[in-house]
Amino acid sequence: MNQASTLVRGGTGRRLYTWAAVGVCLIVFAGFAKSYYLKGLFGTPELPALRHIHGIVMTLWFGLFVVQTRLVAARRVNLHRRLGVFGAVVAGLVLVVGTITAIEAARRGASPGPPPLVFLAIPLGDMVVFATLAGTGLWFRRRPEIHRRLMLLSCVGMLGAAFARFPIDFVKNGGPLMYFGLTDLFVLACVALDTSMNRRLHPAFVWGGLFVLVSHPLRIMLAGTPLWMRFATWLTG
């Protein structure tokens, strides 16, 4: 009876991660459809080469996450591990290209609302959160219960940029509190569903989830401070 229950929960848990991965990709697509994925339909101005590279790398990362969750669900663990080597390379590219793109955007004066140097704390914070969670997740790749939760959080933690570009006025115009809040809701939903299915709150979700949640108000408090402005000016100078 206990073994059967464990198998059921295991299968349900694998489906949860698959649906979470698909949900992440749908949010990213919806947020960036007008400015990137479907820009030809909307007549959006042409993007510089760096933005295209950034889009390709990020799309590759989120697409790879879906593939990896499906491989685990199909019990193709060996292929999942081999593909993980490529995934580690892509994670490094996400960090490098994402950081360069954020700094270059601030240098050009691009921002969805706040002053560019102030806003720079948001995308660079995303990169810090991503690097920490993805790096730790890869470190624990031999411990799948930790690994899969941290890798999920590394993706969810970057959804703020997509939410900020949602084609819904009250979301798009809601500022950091809105798109951080929606990201937090996604984190909490994943944690709640996982806890319900496994009948316990996993420590990886406790610490990883708290790291994502706490990073949001910290960035808001840091952005615009004299210390941050000196740092941002140095970065973009």
Foldseek 3Di string as FASTA:
>chain_A
DVVVLVVVLVLVLLVLQLVLLVVLVVLLCQLCVCPPVVVVVNVHDDDDPLVVLLVVLLNVLSVLSNVLSVCVSVVVVVVSVVVVVVNVVSLVVNLVSQLVVLLVCLLVQHDLDPTSLLCSLPSNLLSVLLCVLQVVLVVVVVPVVLNSLSSSLSSLLPSLSSQCRRPDVCSVVVPLVRSLVVSLVSLVVSQVVSCVSVVHRDPSSVVSSVSSNVSSVVSNVPRPDPVSSVVSVVSND
